[in-house]
Amino acid sequence: MVEALGISLKEFIFYLINFLILVGILTKFLYRPFLDMLAKRKQSIKDALDNAELTNRRADEKMENYDRRIAKVEEEGREIIRNAKIKADAQARDIIDEANKQAADMIAKAETAIQKEKEKAMVDMKHEIAALAILAAEKIVEHEIQKVGQEAVVDEIIRQARSTGWKN
């Protein structure tokens, strides 16, 4: 039957053996290295994915760490600002207290100076009144001698006192 097709059985077996040898050689030298290469490639892709996942986890951990640090720094910044405000308020109160103290001292000194001036004015006024009283007495005595009325003398004393700078 094989011969009816024009193929001899010997040739067919020869071709079949050659084909099997060729398949065996191709399998050994091409197919298995190809499968090994595919397995290695599959493993390298798996390793790369595992490495990428590990890298992503590390990046997430670092990101969380940075977020915690940022939150901590922000809280420290708020605390520094809060403390600075408290210190500034305290300094402002101290400055105001010192200014109030200085103002009170100045007022006390001014009141003391006013009191001294008042006392000096009273002493000066007593001297003026005494001088006027002596002047009035001299004039009254002088007018007594001249027999002039006392009212005219008093008017004259007042006029002279005004002309010398004495004020009511």
C-alpha atoms as a PDB file:
ATOM      1  CA  MET A   1       0.000   0.000   0.000  1.00  0.00           C
ATOM      2  CA  VAL A   2       2.789   2.354   0.736  1.00  0.00           C
ATOM      3  CA  GLU A   3       4.267   1.284  -2.567  1.00  0.00           C
ATOM      4  CA  ALA A   4       1.005   2.125  -4.309  1.00  0.00           C
ATOM      5  CA  LEU A   5       1.575   5.698  -3.361  1.00  0.00           C
ATOM      6  CA  GLY A   6       4.994   5.554  -4.894  1.00  0.00           C
ATOM      7  CA  ILE A   7       6.895   5.507  -1.628  1.00  0.00           C
ATOM      8  CA  SER A   8       9.038   2.613  -0.601  1.00  0.00           C
ATOM      9  CA  LEU A   9       8.844   1.300   2.919  1.00  0.00           C
ATOM     10  CA  LYS A  10      12.586   1.597   3.422  1.00  0.00           C
ATOM     11  CA  GLU A  11      12.557   5.196   2.416  1.00  0.00           C
ATOM     12  CA  PHE A  12       9.549   5.872   4.581  1.00  0.00           C
ATOM     13  CA  ILE A  13      11.260   4.315   7.621  1.00  0.00           C
ATOM     14  CA  PHE A  14      14.443   6.210   6.770  1.00  0.00           C
ATOM     15  CA  TYR A  15      12.505   9.462   6.538  1.00  0.00           C
ATOM     16  CA  LEU A  16      10.673   8.643   9.734  1.00  0.00           C
ATOM     17  CA  ILE A  17      13.937   7.912  11.597  1.00  0.00           C
ATOM     18  CA  ASN A  18      15.483  11.093  10.189  1.00  0.00           C
ATOM     19  CA  PHE A  19      12.426  13.039  11.259  1.00  0.00           C
ATOM     20  CA  LEU A  20      12.535  11.571  14.764  1.00  0.00           C
ATOM     21  CA  ILE A  21      16.277  12.281  15.019  1.00  0.00           C
ATOM     22  CA  LEU A  22      15.618  15.821  13.798  1.00  0.00           C
ATOM     23  CA  VAL A  23      12.812  16.242  16.341  1.00  0.00           C
ATOM     24  CA  GLY A  24      15.086  14.851  19.086  1.00  0.00           C
ATOM     25  CA  ILE A  25      17.950  17.197  18.117  1.00  0.00           C
ATOM     26  CA  LEU A  26      15.610  20.168  17.830  1.00  0.00           C
ATOM     27  CA  THR A  27      14.061  19.276  21.149  1.00  0.00           C
ATOM     28  CA  LYS A  28      17.440  18.974  22.848  1.00  0.00           C
ATOM     29  CA  PHE A  29      19.106  22.012  21.303  1.00  0.00           C
ATOM     30  CA  LEU A  30      16.192  24.360  20.584  1.00  0.00           C
ATOM     31  CA  TYR A  31      12.993  23.434  22.356  1.00  0.00           C
ATOM     32  CA  ARG A  32      14.424  22.740  25.853  1.00  0.00           C
ATOM     33  CA  PRO A  33      16.687  25.831  25.828  1.00  0.00           C
ATOM     34  CA  PHE A  34      13.669  27.790  24.614  1.00  0.00           C
ATOM     35  CA  LEU A  35      11.568  26.391  27.484  1.00  0.00           C
ATOM     36  CA  ASP A  36      14.405  27.073  29.927  1.00  0.00           C
ATOM     37  CA  MET A  37      14.677  30.607  28.591  1.00  0.00           C
ATOM     38  CA  LEU A  38      10.910  31.053  29.002  1.00  0.00           C
ATOM     39  CA  ALA A  39      11.098  29.701  32.567  1.00  0.00           C
ATOM     40  CA  LYS A  40      13.995  32.031  33.372  1.00  0.00           C
ATOM     41  CA  ARG A  41      12.125  34.934  31.824  1.00  0.00           C
ATOM     42  CA  LYS A  42       9.006  33.999  33.800  1.00  0.00           C
ATOM     43  CA  GLN A  43      11.085  33.824  36.989  1.00  0.00           C
ATOM     44  CA  SER A  44      12.802  37.172  36.272  1.00  0.00           C
ATOM     45  CA  ILE A  45       9.394  38.791  35.644  1.00  0.00           C
ATOM     46  CA  LYS A  46       8.089  37.271  38.891  1.00  0.00           C
ATOM     47  CA  ASP A  47      11.203  38.488  40.743  1.00  0.00           C
ATOM     48  CA  ALA A  48      10.804  41.945  39.208  1.00  0.00           C
ATOM     49  CA  LEU A  49       7.145  42.046  40.305  1.00  0.00           C
ATOM     50  CA  ASP A  50       8.087  40.865  43.803  1.00  0.00           C
ATOM     51  CA  ASN A  51      10.866  43.445  43.906  1.00  0.00           C
ATOM     52  CA  ALA A  52       8.451  46.141  42.698  1.00  0.00           C
ATOM     53  CA  GLU A  53       5.950  45.134  45.376  1.00  0.00           C
ATOM     54  CA  LEU A  54       8.676  45.241  48.020  1.00  0.00           C
ATOM     55  CA  THR A  55       9.814  48.618  46.718  1.00  0.00           C
ATOM     56  CA  ASN A  56       6.225  49.880  46.810  1.00  0.00           C
ATOM     57  CA  ARG A  57       5.854  48.676  50.415  1.00  0.00           C
ATOM     58  CA  ARG A  58       9.108  50.401  51.366  1.00  0.00           C
ATOM     59  CA  ALA A  59       7.982  53.571  49.587  1.00  0.00           C
ATOM     60  CA  ASP A  60       4.646  53.427  51.418  1.00  0.00           C
ATOM     61  CA  GLU A  61       6.456  52.974  54.728  1.00  0.00           C
ATOM     62  CA  LYS A  62       8.746  55.915  53.950  1.00  0.00           C
ATOM     63  CA  MET A  63       5.750  58.000  52.904  1.00  0.00           C
ATOM     64  CA  GLU A  64       3.986  57.198  56.178  1.00  0.00           C
ATOM     65  CA  ASN A  65       7.197  58.023  58.039  1.00  0.00           C
ATOM     66  CA  TYR A  66       7.488  61.343  56.202  1.00  0.00           C
ATOM     67  CA  ASP A  67       3.825  62.082  56.873  1.00  0.00           C
ATOM     68  CA  ARG A  68       4.384  61.439  60.590  1.00  0.00           C
ATOM     69  CA  ARG A  69       7.488  63.631  60.541  1.00  0.00           C
ATOM     70  CA  ILE A  70       5.620  66.415  58.737  1.00  0.00           C
ATOM     71  CA  ALA A  71       2.768  66.186  61.241  1.00  0.00           C
ATOM     72  CA  LYS A  72       5.281  66.279  64.094  1.00  0.00           C
ATOM     73  CA  VAL A  73       7.104  69.279  62.588  1.00  0.00           C
ATOM     74  CA  GLU A  74       3.806  71.072  62.028  1.00  0.00           C
ATOM     75  CA  GLU A  75       2.810  70.428  65.656  1.00  0.00           C
ATOM     76  CA  GLU A  76       6.226  71.649  66.829  1.00  0.00           C
ATOM     77  CA  GLY A  77       5.786  74.754  64.678  1.00  0.00           C
ATOM     78  CA  ARG A  78       2.375  75.412  66.212  1.00  0.00           C
ATOM     79  CA  GLU A  79       3.862  74.892  69.680  1.00  0.00           C
ATOM     80  CA  ILE A  80       6.731  77.303  68.926  1.00  0.00           C
ATOM     81  CA  ILE A  81       4.257  79.905  67.680  1.00  0.00           C
ATOM     82  CA  ARG A  82       2.054  79.356  70.749  1.00  0.00           C
ATOM     83  CA  ASN A  83       5.071  79.745  73.086  1.00  0.00           C
ATOM     84  CA  ALA A  84       6.296  82.814  71.206  1.00  0.00           C
ATOM     85  CA  LYS A  85       2.837  84.384  71.532  1.00  0.00           C
ATOM     86  CA  ILE A  86       2.774  83.653  75.262  1.00  0.00           C
ATOM     87  CA  LYS A  87       6.252  85.173  75.673  1.00  0.00           C
ATOM     88  CA  ALA A  88       5.287  88.204  73.578  1.00  0.00           C
ATOM     89  CA  ASP A  89       2.146  88.707  75.666  1.00  0.00           C
ATOM     90  CA  ALA A  90       4.197  88.445  78.852  1.00  0.00           C
ATOM     91  CA  GLN A  91       6.742  90.949  77.526  1.00  0.00           C
ATOM     92  CA  ALA A  92       3.940  93.289  76.485  1.00  0.00           C
ATOM     93  CA  ARG A  93       2.447  93.067  79.989  1.00  0.00           C
ATOM     94  CA  ASP A  94       5.878  93.718  81.516  1.00  0.00           C
ATOM     95  CA  ILE A  95       6.414  96.736  79.258  1.00  0.00           C
ATOM     96  CA  ILE A  96       2.945  98.090  80.078  1.00  0.00           C
ATOM     97  CA  ASP A  97       3.503  97.505  83.803  1.00  0.00           C
ATOM     98  CA  GLU A  98       6.878  99.273  83.611  1.00  0.00           C
ATOM     99  CA  ALA A  99       5.328 102.166  81.674  1.00  0.00           C
ATOM    100  CA  ASN A 100       2.506 102.420  84.235  1.00  0.00           C
ATOM    101  CA  LYS A 101       5.063 102.372  87.047  1.00  0.00           C
ATOM    102  CA  GLN A 102       7.116 105.115  85.369  1.00  0.00           C
ATOM    103  CA  ALA A 103       3.952 107.137  84.743  1.00  0.00           C
ATOM    104  CA  ALA A 104       2.953 106.749  88.414  1.00  0.00           C
ATOM    105  CA  ASP A 105       6.450 107.855  89.472  1.00  0.00           C
ATOM    106  CA  MET A 106       6.258 110.872  87.163  1.00  0.00           C
ATOM    107  CA  ILE A 107       2.803 111.755  88.496  1.00  0.00           C
ATOM    108  CA  ALA A 108       4.052 111.433  92.082  1.00  0.00           C
ATOM    109  CA  LYS A 109       7.052 113.653  91.294  1.00  0.00           C
ATOM    110  CA  ALA A 110       4.816 116.159  89.552  1.00  0.00           C
ATOM    111  CA  GLU A 111       2.416 116.195  92.532  1.00  0.00           C
ATOM    112  CA  THR A 112       5.367 116.699  94.872  1.00  0.00           C
ATOM    113  CA  ALA A 113       6.662 119.538  92.707  1.00  0.00           C
ATOM    114  CA  ILE A 114       3.173 121.077  92.570  1.00  0.00           C
ATOM    115  CA  GLN A 115       2.887 120.816  96.353  1.00  0.00           C
ATOM    116  CA  LYS A 116       6.296 122.480  96.785  1.00  0.00           C
ATOM    117  CA  GLU A 117       5.322 125.242  94.348  1.00  0.00           C
ATOM    118  CA  LYS A 118       2.038 125.684  96.182  1.00  0.00           C
ATOM    119  CA  GLU A 119       3.842 125.938  99.518  1.00  0.00           C
ATOM    120  CA  LYS A 120       6.338 128.397  98.028  1.00  0.00           C
ATOM    121  CA  ALA A 121       3.461 130.423  96.575  1.00  0.00           C
ATOM    122  CA  MET A 122       1.793 130.458 100.003  1.00  0.00           C
ATOM    123  CA  VAL A 123       5.028 131.656 101.631  1.00  0.00           C
ATOM    124  CA  ASP A 124       5.436 134.301  98.906  1.00  0.00           C
ATOM    125  CA  MET A 125       1.829 135.322  99.339  1.00  0.00           C
ATOM    126  CA  LYS A 126       2.282 135.604 103.137  1.00  0.00           C
ATOM    127  CA  HIS A 127       5.299 137.830 102.546  1.00  0.00           C
ATOM    128  CA  GLU A 128       3.280 139.917 100.056  1.00  0.00           C
ATOM    129  CA  ILE A 129       0.366 140.184 102.493  1.00  0.00           C
ATOM    130  CA  ALA A 130       2.723 141.086 105.317  1.00  0.00           C
ATOM    131  CA  ALA A 131       4.376 143.696 103.101  1.00  0.00           C
ATOM    132  CA  LEU A 132       0.960 145.023 102.099  1.00  0.00           C
ATOM    133  CA  ALA A 133      -0.178 145.059 105.706  1.00  0.00           C
ATOM    134  CA  ILE A 134       2.921 147.032 106.688  1.00  0.00           C
ATOM    135  CA  LEU A 135       2.389 149.355 103.729  1.00  0.00           C
ATOM    136  CA  ALA A 136      -1.272 149.749 104.714  1.00  0.00           C
ATOM    137  CA  ALA A 137      -0.307 150.442 108.298  1.00  0.00           C
ATOM    138  CA  GLU A 138       2.237 153.058 107.157  1.00  0.00           C
ATOM    139  CA  LYS A 139      -0.329 154.691 104.926  1.00  0.00           C
ATOM    140  CA  ILE A 140      -2.974 154.646 107.634  1.00  0.00           C
ATOM    141  CA  VAL A 141      -0.562 156.185 110.056  1.00  0.00           C
ATOM    142  CA  GLU A 142       0.489 158.706 107.436  1.00  0.00           C
ATOM    143  CA  HIS A 143      -3.083 159.549 106.644  1.00  0.00           C
ATOM    144  CA  GLU A 144      -3.969 159.683 110.317  1.00  0.00           C
ATOM    145  CA  ILE A 145      -1.473 162.356 110.584  1.00  0.00           C
ATOM    146  CA  GLN A 146      -2.964 164.136 107.613  1.00  0.00           C
ATOM    147  CA  LYS A 147      -6.472 163.483 108.762  1.00  0.00           C
ATOM    148  CA  VAL A 148      -7.571 161.862 105.603  1.00  0.00           C
ATOM    149  CA  GLY A 149     -10.398 159.288 105.701  1.00  0.00           C
ATOM    150  CA  GLN A 150      -9.560 155.673 106.113  1.00  0.00           C
ATOM    151  CA  GLU A 151     -11.504 154.711 103.020  1.00  0.00           C
ATOM    152  CA  ALA A 152      -9.305 156.826 100.835  1.00  0.00           C
ATOM    153  CA  VAL A 153      -6.255 155.190 102.414  1.00  0.00           C
ATOM    154  CA  VAL A 154      -7.569 151.696 101.749  1.00  0.00           C
ATOM    155  CA  ASP A 155      -8.389 152.626  98.147  1.00  0.00           C
ATOM    156  CA  GLU A 156      -4.898 154.040  97.746  1.00  0.00           C
ATOM    157  CA  ILE A 157      -3.314 150.839  99.181  1.00  0.00           C
ATOM    158  CA  ILE A 158      -5.330 148.674  96.814  1.00  0.00           C
ATOM    159  CA  ARG A 159      -4.391 150.859  93.839  1.00  0.00           C
ATOM    160  CA  GLN A 160      -0.687 150.688  94.761  1.00  0.00           C
ATOM    161  CA  ALA A 161      -0.858 146.942  95.344  1.00  0.00           C
ATOM    162  CA  ARG A 162      -2.345 146.446  91.885  1.00  0.00           C
ATOM    163  CA  SER A 163       0.251 148.586  90.247  1.00  0.00           C
ATOM    164  CA  THR A 164       3.084 146.542  91.844  1.00  0.00           C
ATOM    165  CA  GLY A 165       1.745 143.246  90.451  1.00  0.00           C
ATOM    166  CA  TRP A 166      -0.360 141.906  93.333  1.00  0.00           C
ATOM    167  CA  LYS A 167      -3.431 140.076  92.043  1.00  0.00           C
ATOM    168  CA  ASN A 168      -6.508 138.760  93.785  1.00  0.00           C
END
